[in-house]
Every structure is written in C-alpha cells, then in structure tokens.
Amino acid sequence: MVVIQRWSNANSEQVYREQPFGGHLSEFKEFGGYRLPTRVEGGNLIGTPNYFPFFKADVTAIRFPQCGDP
C-alpha cells in the first residue's frame, strides 16, 4: 500500500483538510530489468472505511525512452 497526505475536500463533510490518499500496487512483472506493478488502484481516504478507489489501471506495456527521445 502507498499512502501520502493530501489536502482535499473529498470527504463526507466536504471540508478541506489533510487526509490519506494512496492505493495498492500489485501483479508485479519484469520490464527491461525493473520489477514494476501492472495493477494499480488509488483513491481518497485509503486505510479508512471510506476509501474510494477512483483510479484503476491494468498496465499492459511499458516503454523506456532512449536518450534523445522526445
């Protein structure tokens, strides 16, 4: 689990405050010698009963740019 504090009003009171934001990284695979997650999920209030994962991604490919690539 990855957690940072974020200034947000994405809570039931709609009050701006620091609150936990983060997600889960899973299904690690090797790409170019690096072990990286291929399933990523994230959202507000992680670690609480009100966690809402609004971002979900399944990574199917990773490209590492070469020096000089735009």
N, C-alpha and C. Protein backbone atom coordinates (compact mmCIF):
# COMPACT_ATOMS: atom_id res chain seq x y z
N MET A 1 0.85 -1.18 0.00
CA MET A 1 0.00 0.00 0.00
C MET A 1 0.90 1.24 0.00
N VAL A 2 0.50 2.24 -0.75
CA VAL A 2 1.20 3.51 -0.82
C VAL A 2 0.26 4.58 -0.26
N VAL A 3 0.76 5.41 0.68
CA VAL A 3 -0.08 6.43 1.31
C VAL A 3 0.68 7.75 1.40
N ILE A 4 0.03 8.84 1.04
CA ILE A 4 0.54 10.19 1.27
C ILE A 4 -0.60 11.01 1.87
N GLN A 5 -0.25 12.11 2.49
CA GLN A 5 -1.28 13.03 2.98
C GLN A 5 -1.57 14.04 1.86
N ARG A 6 -2.83 14.29 1.62
CA ARG A 6 -3.27 15.18 0.54
C ARG A 6 -4.27 16.19 1.09
N TRP A 7 -4.13 17.44 0.66
CA TRP A 7 -5.06 18.49 1.02
C TRP A 7 -6.26 18.37 0.10
N SER A 8 -7.42 18.04 0.65
CA SER A 8 -8.58 17.76 -0.19
C SER A 8 -9.87 17.93 0.59
N ASN A 9 -10.95 18.17 -0.15
CA ASN A 9 -12.27 18.20 0.48
C ASN A 9 -13.10 16.99 0.02
N ALA A 10 -12.41 15.96 -0.48
CA ALA A 10 -13.10 14.74 -0.90
C ALA A 10 -13.39 13.88 0.33
N ASN A 11 -14.35 14.33 1.12
CA ASN A 11 -14.75 13.62 2.33
C ASN A 11 -16.23 13.91 2.56
N SER A 12 -16.86 13.19 3.45
CA SER A 12 -18.31 13.33 3.66
C SER A 12 -18.72 14.72 4.16
N GLU A 13 -17.80 15.42 4.84
CA GLU A 13 -18.12 16.77 5.33
C GLU A 13 -17.81 17.86 4.29
N GLN A 14 -17.12 17.47 3.21
CA GLN A 14 -16.68 18.40 2.16
C GLN A 14 -15.90 19.57 2.75
N VAL A 15 -15.03 19.25 3.72
CA VAL A 15 -14.17 20.22 4.39
C VAL A 15 -12.74 19.97 3.95
N TYR A 16 -12.02 21.04 3.55
CA TYR A 16 -10.62 20.88 3.19
C TYR A 16 -9.80 20.54 4.42
N ARG A 17 -8.97 19.49 4.27
CA ARG A 17 -8.08 19.05 5.35
C ARG A 17 -7.07 18.07 4.75
N GLU A 18 -6.01 17.82 5.50
CA GLU A 18 -5.10 16.75 5.09
C GLU A 18 -5.76 15.42 5.39
N GLN A 19 -5.70 14.53 4.42
CA GLN A 19 -6.29 13.21 4.61
C GLN A 19 -5.52 12.20 3.78
N PRO A 20 -5.61 10.92 4.12
CA PRO A 20 -4.83 9.91 3.41
C PRO A 20 -5.30 9.70 1.98
N PHE A 21 -4.33 9.65 1.08
CA PHE A 21 -4.58 9.38 -0.33
C PHE A 21 -3.55 8.34 -0.75
N GLY A 22 -3.96 7.37 -1.51
CA GLY A 22 -3.00 6.36 -1.95
C GLY A 22 -3.67 5.20 -2.62
N GLY A 23 -2.95 4.09 -2.66
CA GLY A 23 -3.50 2.95 -3.37
C GLY A 23 -2.72 1.68 -3.16
N HIS A 24 -3.07 0.72 -3.98
CA HIS A 24 -2.45 -0.60 -3.92
C HIS A 24 -1.76 -0.87 -5.25
N LEU A 25 -0.56 -1.42 -5.18
CA LEU A 25 0.21 -1.83 -6.35
C LEU A 25 0.35 -3.34 -6.29
N SER A 26 0.06 -4.03 -7.40
CA SER A 26 0.12 -5.49 -7.37
C SER A 26 0.45 -6.05 -8.74
N GLU A 27 0.52 -7.36 -8.81
CA GLU A 27 0.82 -8.11 -10.04
C GLU A 27 2.10 -7.59 -10.69
N PHE A 28 3.18 -7.64 -9.93
CA PHE A 28 4.47 -7.15 -10.40
C PHE A 28 5.04 -8.06 -11.49
N LYS A 29 5.60 -7.45 -12.54
CA LYS A 29 6.25 -8.16 -13.64
C LYS A 29 7.53 -7.42 -13.99
N GLU A 30 8.41 -8.12 -14.70
CA GLU A 30 9.69 -7.52 -15.06
C GLU A 30 9.62 -6.87 -16.44
N PHE A 31 10.11 -5.64 -16.51
CA PHE A 31 10.18 -4.88 -17.76
C PHE A 31 11.57 -4.26 -17.83
N GLY A 32 12.36 -4.65 -18.81
CA GLY A 32 13.67 -4.05 -19.00
C GLY A 32 14.57 -4.13 -17.78
N GLY A 33 14.45 -5.20 -17.00
CA GLY A 33 15.28 -5.36 -15.83
C GLY A 33 14.71 -4.73 -14.56
N TYR A 34 13.53 -4.11 -14.65
CA TYR A 34 12.87 -3.50 -13.50
C TYR A 34 11.60 -4.28 -13.17
N ARG A 35 11.35 -4.49 -11.90
CA ARG A 35 10.12 -5.17 -11.46
C ARG A 35 9.11 -4.09 -11.10
N LEU A 36 8.02 -4.02 -11.86
CA LEU A 36 7.04 -2.95 -11.74
C LEU A 36 5.62 -3.50 -11.60
N PRO A 37 4.73 -2.76 -10.94
CA PRO A 37 3.35 -3.23 -10.79
C PRO A 37 2.59 -3.10 -12.11
N THR A 38 1.74 -4.08 -12.39
CA THR A 38 0.90 -3.99 -13.59
C THR A 38 -0.56 -3.77 -13.23
N ARG A 39 -0.88 -3.78 -11.95
CA ARG A 39 -2.23 -3.43 -11.49
C ARG A 39 -2.07 -2.31 -10.48
N VAL A 40 -2.74 -1.20 -10.75
CA VAL A 40 -2.65 -0.01 -9.90
C VAL A 40 -4.05 0.46 -9.56
N GLU A 41 -4.28 0.73 -8.28
CA GLU A 41 -5.58 1.22 -7.81
C GLU A 41 -5.32 2.33 -6.80
N GLY A 42 -6.04 3.44 -6.91
CA GLY A 42 -5.80 4.52 -5.97
C GLY A 42 -7.03 5.38 -5.73
N GLY A 43 -7.01 6.07 -4.57
CA GLY A 43 -8.13 6.94 -4.27
C GLY A 43 -7.98 7.64 -2.94
N ASN A 44 -9.01 8.34 -2.58
CA ASN A 44 -9.05 9.11 -1.34
C ASN A 44 -9.37 8.25 -0.13
N LEU A 45 -8.86 8.68 1.01
CA LEU A 45 -9.16 8.09 2.32
C LEU A 45 -8.73 6.64 2.45
N ILE A 46 -7.61 6.29 1.80
CA ILE A 46 -7.10 4.92 1.91
C ILE A 46 -6.80 4.58 3.36
N GLY A 47 -7.06 3.36 3.73
CA GLY A 47 -6.84 2.91 5.10
C GLY A 47 -7.99 3.22 6.03
N THR A 48 -9.09 3.74 5.48
CA THR A 48 -10.27 4.04 6.28
C THR A 48 -11.47 3.31 5.68
N PRO A 49 -12.58 3.21 6.41
CA PRO A 49 -13.78 2.59 5.84
C PRO A 49 -14.35 3.39 4.66
N ASN A 50 -13.95 4.65 4.51
CA ASN A 50 -14.47 5.49 3.43
C ASN A 50 -13.57 5.52 2.20
N TYR A 51 -12.60 4.61 2.12
CA TYR A 51 -11.70 4.55 0.96
C TYR A 51 -12.52 4.40 -0.31
N PHE A 52 -12.21 5.27 -1.29
CA PHE A 52 -12.90 5.21 -2.58
C PHE A 52 -11.87 5.18 -3.69
N PRO A 53 -11.60 4.00 -4.27
CA PRO A 53 -10.62 3.91 -5.36
C PRO A 53 -11.23 4.40 -6.68
N PHE A 54 -10.90 5.63 -7.07
CA PHE A 54 -11.47 6.17 -8.31
C PHE A 54 -10.54 5.97 -9.50
N PHE A 55 -9.32 5.50 -9.26
CA PHE A 55 -8.38 5.24 -10.35
C PHE A 55 -8.00 3.77 -10.32
N LYS A 56 -8.22 3.08 -11.44
CA LYS A 56 -7.83 1.68 -11.57
C LYS A 56 -7.22 1.48 -12.94
N ALA A 57 -6.06 0.81 -12.98
CA ALA A 57 -5.38 0.60 -14.26
C ALA A 57 -4.74 -0.78 -14.29
N ASP A 58 -4.80 -1.40 -15.45
CA ASP A 58 -4.06 -2.62 -15.74
C ASP A 58 -3.02 -2.26 -16.78
N VAL A 59 -1.77 -2.33 -16.42
CA VAL A 59 -0.66 -1.95 -17.31
C VAL A 59 -0.36 -3.14 -18.21
N THR A 60 -0.37 -2.91 -19.53
CA THR A 60 -0.10 -3.99 -20.48
C THR A 60 1.26 -3.85 -21.15
N ALA A 61 1.85 -2.65 -21.12
CA ALA A 61 3.16 -2.45 -21.72
C ALA A 61 3.82 -1.24 -21.07
N ILE A 62 5.13 -1.28 -21.03
CA ILE A 62 5.92 -0.15 -20.53
C ILE A 62 7.05 0.08 -21.52
N ARG A 63 7.23 1.33 -21.92
CA ARG A 63 8.31 1.68 -22.85
C ARG A 63 9.25 2.64 -22.15
N PHE A 64 10.52 2.32 -22.16
CA PHE A 64 11.53 3.21 -21.60
C PHE A 64 12.12 4.02 -22.73
N PRO A 65 11.98 5.36 -22.70
CA PRO A 65 12.53 6.17 -23.79
C PRO A 65 14.05 6.10 -23.80
N GLN A 66 14.60 6.15 -24.99
CA GLN A 66 16.05 6.19 -25.16
C GLN A 66 16.52 7.63 -25.06
N CYS A 67 17.75 7.81 -24.72
CA CYS A 67 18.32 9.16 -24.62
C CYS A 67 18.10 9.89 -25.95
N GLY A 68 17.53 11.07 -25.87
CA GLY A 68 17.23 11.86 -27.07
C GLY A 68 15.82 11.71 -27.59
N ASP A 69 15.04 10.75 -27.06
CA ASP A 69 13.63 10.60 -27.47
C ASP A 69 12.85 11.80 -26.98
N PRO A 70 11.86 12.24 -27.75
CA PRO A 70 11.02 13.36 -27.27
C PRO A 70 10.13 12.94 -26.11
